[in-house]
Amino acid sequence: MRYLIKFSYDGSNFFGYQKQANKRTIQGELERVLSQLSKANVLVSASGRTDALVHAINQYAHFDLDINISCDALKKALNSLLPDDIYIKNVLIVQPHFHARFNVLKKEYIYKINLGEFDPFSRNYVYQYNRELDIDKMLCATKYFRGKHNFKSFTKSNREIIDYEREIYDATISVDNDIMVISFIGNGFLRYMVRNMVGTLISVGEGKTELEEILDIFRCEDRTKAKKTAPANGLYLKNVYYDEFES
């Protein structure tokens, strides 16, 4: 039986999603608990990877189990065995051909920045920038990221990647009580892509980068031309969208 889980996690104490030898990861914890329940090795495939210190509000993953267990019972069992920084929100049975990664239509990431005074309680969850930015200019800059682009300048160099083109459907900025939230919705994201886009927007807000320079950054297809990568702790995978869940 193939199951699909929706879950959230606090990435503060993980070395990212992907399983790594001798390191605490989200995939590693999920597979450990599922293998314990099924008394057999279980492989978990997520909608995508998140890096160390990055959080997820709604992440999805699928896996196959040979045991007879209801969705509600599986949810309760998983949450009773998983550490408190991972929580299973929902469990569904899907068709055997469903794939949590390859069936994705779009994803939404958000990035949180504190423009006010330093807050030690949110330091693991919000980038403590702690000074003003030109929000209007940053809002104008978001339009340069919308649409289809080659994002090679905004990702880590990787010889295995053939296609750097992605489409950003929407990019928005809001501010409430000194917390800026930058949102990107797109058909896919490359490694560090969101954090590099945020870093460039911050540079615009600081007055260090002019709007027209963003076009030059895209044209160069060179990571060294984009601005500093924003810290990981402010990044969240907010949602993953599928056409439907075939059950």
Protein backbone atom coordinates (compact mmCIF):
# COMPACT_ATOMS: atom_id res chain seq x y z
CA MET A 1 0.00 0.00 0.00
CA ARG A 2 1.34 3.44 -0.89
CA TYR A 3 0.83 6.18 1.70
CA LEU A 4 1.23 9.94 1.39
CA ILE A 5 1.95 12.00 4.49
CA LYS A 6 1.70 15.75 5.03
CA PHE A 7 4.02 16.86 7.81
CA SER A 8 5.81 19.82 9.36
CA TYR A 9 9.17 20.13 11.01
CA ASP A 10 11.43 22.50 12.87
CA GLY A 11 14.73 22.28 10.98
CA SER A 12 16.82 23.91 13.72
CA ASN A 13 18.43 20.68 14.93
CA PHE A 14 18.63 18.78 11.64
CA PHE A 15 21.32 18.52 8.98
CA GLY A 16 18.63 18.95 6.33
CA TYR A 17 15.96 16.62 4.97
CA GLN A 18 18.09 14.11 3.04
CA LYS A 19 19.44 11.09 4.89
CA GLN A 20 23.17 11.30 5.70
CA ALA A 21 25.40 8.85 7.50
CA ASN A 22 25.86 9.62 11.20
CA LYS A 23 23.82 12.85 10.97
CA ARG A 24 20.35 13.69 12.21
CA THR A 25 18.02 14.28 9.25
CA ILE A 26 14.25 14.36 8.70
CA GLN A 27 14.34 11.50 6.18
CA GLY A 28 16.47 9.47 8.55
CA GLU A 29 14.00 9.90 11.42
CA LEU A 30 11.00 9.04 9.22
CA GLU A 31 12.62 5.91 7.80
CA ARG A 32 13.81 4.80 11.24
CA VAL A 33 10.31 4.98 12.72
CA LEU A 34 8.54 3.49 9.68
CA SER A 35 11.02 0.61 9.54
CA GLN A 36 10.41 0.02 13.24
CA LEU A 37 6.63 -0.12 12.67
CA SER A 38 6.77 -2.38 9.63
CA LYS A 39 9.72 -4.51 10.81
CA ALA A 40 11.27 -4.03 7.35
CA ASN A 41 13.31 -1.33 5.63
CA VAL A 42 11.11 1.52 4.38
CA LEU A 43 12.26 4.16 1.90
CA VAL A 44 10.64 7.60 2.05
CA SER A 45 10.45 9.94 -0.98
CA ALA A 46 9.63 13.59 -0.28
CA SER A 47 8.42 16.38 -2.57
CA GLY A 48 11.96 17.75 -2.37
CA ARG A 49 14.88 18.32 -0.04
CA THR A 50 15.37 21.15 2.40
CA ASP A 51 18.79 22.19 3.68
CA ALA A 52 20.10 22.27 7.23
CA LEU A 53 18.19 24.69 9.52
CA VAL A 54 15.37 25.15 6.97
CA HIS A 55 11.81 24.55 8.23
CA ALA A 56 8.66 23.11 6.65
CA ILE A 57 5.07 24.07 7.38
CA ASN A 58 3.62 21.60 4.88
CA GLN A 59 5.97 19.01 3.41
CA TYR A 60 4.82 15.82 1.66
CA ALA A 61 6.37 12.37 1.26
CA HIS A 62 5.26 8.92 0.11
CA PHE A 63 6.31 5.41 1.10
CA ASP A 64 5.10 1.81 0.72
CA LEU A 65 4.05 -0.42 3.60
CA ASP A 66 3.16 -4.11 3.55
CA ILE A 67 1.33 -3.99 6.88
CA ASN A 68 -2.44 -3.54 7.29
CA ILE A 69 -2.94 -0.24 9.12
CA SER A 70 -5.48 2.57 8.73
CA CYS A 71 -4.46 6.13 7.98
CA ASP A 72 -5.60 7.38 11.40
CA ALA A 73 -3.76 4.60 13.21
CA LEU A 74 -0.61 5.22 11.19
CA LYS A 75 -0.72 8.95 11.96
CA LYS A 76 -1.05 8.26 15.69
CA ALA A 77 1.70 5.67 15.64
CA LEU A 78 4.12 7.91 13.77
CA ASN A 79 3.51 10.92 16.02
CA SER A 80 3.99 8.78 19.13
CA LEU A 81 7.40 7.57 17.92
CA LEU A 82 8.79 10.59 16.07
CA PRO A 83 10.72 13.34 17.91
CA ASP A 84 8.79 16.47 18.82
CA ASP A 85 10.37 18.55 16.05
CA ILE A 86 8.53 16.51 13.38
CA TYR A 87 4.73 16.27 13.27
CA ILE A 88 2.55 14.25 10.89
CA LYS A 89 -0.52 16.31 9.96
CA ASN A 90 -2.29 13.90 7.64
CA VAL A 91 -2.00 10.43 6.09
CA LEU A 92 -3.63 9.35 2.81
CA ILE A 93 -3.62 6.19 0.73
CA VAL A 94 -2.67 6.96 -2.88
CA GLN A 95 -2.33 5.01 -6.09
CA PRO A 96 0.89 2.95 -6.51
CA HIS A 97 2.08 5.23 -9.33
CA PHE A 98 1.77 8.43 -7.26
CA HIS A 99 5.12 10.10 -6.57
CA ALA A 100 5.52 12.88 -4.00
CA ARG A 101 8.27 14.55 -6.04
CA PHE A 102 7.37 13.95 -9.69
CA ASN A 103 3.66 14.75 -9.27
CA VAL A 104 4.30 18.22 -7.84
CA LEU A 105 2.61 21.07 -9.74
CA LYS A 106 4.03 23.97 -7.74
CA LYS A 107 5.60 24.89 -4.42
CA GLU A 108 5.50 27.89 -2.14
CA TYR A 109 8.43 29.04 -0.02
CA ILE A 110 8.39 31.93 2.42
CA TYR A 111 11.27 33.76 4.04
CA LYS A 112 10.98 35.71 7.32
CA ILE A 113 13.11 38.74 8.22
CA ASN A 114 13.01 40.72 11.47
CA LEU A 115 13.44 44.43 10.71
CA GLY A 116 13.00 45.44 14.36
CA GLU A 117 15.06 44.80 17.48
CA PHE A 118 16.92 41.52 17.93
CA ASP A 119 14.67 38.77 19.27
CA PRO A 120 16.56 35.91 20.92
CA PHE A 121 13.41 33.76 21.05
CA SER A 122 12.89 33.76 17.27
CA ARG A 123 16.54 33.67 16.23
CA ASN A 124 16.19 30.10 14.90
CA TYR A 125 13.05 30.93 12.91
CA VAL A 126 13.46 34.49 11.61
CA TYR A 127 16.53 36.12 10.07
CA GLN A 128 17.58 38.80 12.55
CA TYR A 129 18.43 41.58 10.11
CA ASN A 130 17.37 44.18 12.73
CA ARG A 131 17.39 47.34 10.66
CA GLU A 132 15.32 49.10 8.01
CA LEU A 133 15.05 48.20 4.34
CA ASP A 134 13.53 50.07 1.42
CA ILE A 135 10.39 47.95 1.17
CA ASP A 136 8.90 49.82 -1.80
CA LYS A 137 12.04 49.25 -3.85
CA MET A 138 12.09 45.58 -2.89
CA LEU A 139 8.46 45.26 -3.98
CA CYS A 140 9.39 46.70 -7.37
CA ALA A 141 12.25 44.22 -7.61
CA THR A 142 9.99 41.18 -7.16
CA LYS A 143 8.60 41.63 -10.69
CA TYR A 144 12.01 40.74 -12.15
CA PHE A 145 11.77 37.26 -10.67
CA ARG A 146 8.29 36.45 -11.96
CA GLY A 147 7.96 34.37 -15.11
CA LYS A 148 10.28 31.86 -16.78
CA HIS A 149 14.00 32.46 -16.32
CA ASN A 150 17.32 30.67 -16.32
CA PHE A 151 18.19 30.72 -12.60
CA LYS A 152 21.79 29.55 -12.95
CA SER A 153 23.00 32.76 -11.25
CA PHE A 154 20.82 31.97 -8.23
CA THR A 155 21.86 28.41 -7.47
CA LYS A 156 24.87 26.37 -6.49
CA SER A 157 26.98 25.23 -9.45
CA ASN A 158 26.27 21.61 -10.31
CA ARG A 159 27.48 19.81 -13.43
CA GLU A 160 24.65 17.30 -13.10
CA ILE A 161 21.98 19.98 -13.67
CA ILE A 162 21.09 20.29 -17.34
CA ASP A 163 18.09 22.63 -17.16
CA TYR A 164 18.24 25.74 -14.97
CA GLU A 165 14.94 27.14 -16.23
CA ARG A 166 12.18 27.54 -13.66
CA GLU A 167 8.96 29.56 -13.60
CA ILE A 168 7.99 31.83 -10.72
CA TYR A 169 4.22 32.33 -10.73
CA ASP A 170 4.15 34.90 -7.95
CA ALA A 171 6.55 36.81 -5.69
CA THR A 172 5.21 38.99 -2.89
CA ILE A 173 6.37 40.91 0.18
CA SER A 174 4.39 41.80 3.30
CA VAL A 175 5.36 43.37 6.62
CA ASP A 176 3.58 43.02 9.95
CA ASN A 177 4.99 44.15 13.31
CA ASP A 178 8.49 44.51 11.85
CA ILE A 179 8.45 40.97 10.40
CA MET A 180 8.90 40.93 6.64
CA VAL A 181 7.63 37.85 4.80
CA ILE A 182 8.83 37.23 1.25
CA SER A 183 6.87 34.59 -0.67
CA PHE A 184 7.73 32.75 -3.88
CA ILE A 185 5.40 30.35 -5.70
CA GLY A 186 6.92 28.43 -8.60
CA ASN A 187 6.96 25.18 -10.52
CA GLY A 188 10.27 24.22 -8.95
CA PHE A 189 13.27 25.55 -7.06
CA LEU A 190 16.98 24.86 -7.34
CA ARG A 191 19.28 24.51 -4.35
CA TYR A 192 19.77 27.83 -2.50
CA MET A 193 17.62 29.53 -5.17
CA VAL A 194 15.14 31.12 -2.76
CA ARG A 195 17.85 32.21 -0.33
CA ASN A 196 19.87 33.76 -3.18
CA MET A 197 16.82 35.60 -4.51
CA VAL A 198 16.13 36.89 -0.99
CA GLY A 199 19.76 37.96 -0.62
CA THR A 200 19.47 39.95 -3.85
CA LEU A 201 16.21 41.56 -2.70
CA ILE A 202 17.87 42.55 0.58
CA SER A 203 20.73 44.13 -1.39
CA VAL A 204 18.12 46.11 -3.35
CA GLY A 205 16.48 47.19 -0.08
CA GLU A 206 19.87 48.33 1.22
CA GLY A 207 20.41 50.49 -1.86
CA LYS A 208 23.44 48.45 -2.90
CA THR A 209 21.80 46.92 -5.99
CA GLU A 210 19.75 48.78 -8.59
CA LEU A 211 16.66 47.17 -10.11
CA GLU A 212 18.18 46.95 -13.59
CA GLU A 213 21.14 44.98 -12.22
CA ILE A 214 18.84 42.00 -11.60
CA LEU A 215 18.44 41.59 -15.36
CA ASP A 216 22.22 41.60 -15.73
CA ILE A 217 22.51 38.92 -13.03
CA PHE A 218 20.12 36.68 -14.95
CA ARG A 219 21.95 37.28 -18.24
CA CYS A 220 25.38 36.43 -16.81
CA GLU A 221 24.32 32.94 -15.66
CA ASP A 222 27.07 33.23 -13.04
CA ARG A 223 26.48 32.61 -9.31
CA THR A 224 29.21 35.09 -8.37
CA LYS A 225 27.13 37.91 -9.89
CA ALA A 226 24.16 37.38 -7.55
CA LYS A 227 24.22 38.73 -4.02
CA LYS A 228 24.92 37.11 -0.65
CA THR A 229 22.92 34.01 0.27
CA ALA A 230 20.36 34.75 3.00
CA PRO A 231 20.72 32.60 6.16
CA ALA A 232 18.88 29.26 6.22
CA ASN A 233 16.94 29.79 9.45
CA GLY A 234 14.44 32.24 7.91
CA LEU A 235 13.33 29.85 5.15
CA TYR A 236 10.17 27.73 5.22
CA LEU A 237 8.61 25.33 2.74
CA LYS A 238 5.05 26.60 3.15
CA ASN A 239 3.13 24.36 0.78
CA VAL A 240 3.28 21.82 -2.03
CA TYR A 241 0.51 21.61 -4.60
CA TYR A 242 -0.68 18.53 -6.48
CA ASP A 243 -3.36 18.14 -9.11
CA GLU A 244 -5.15 15.58 -6.99
CA PHE A 245 -4.50 12.71 -4.64
CA GLU A 246 -5.64 9.51 -6.31
CA SER A 247 -6.91 7.21 -3.59
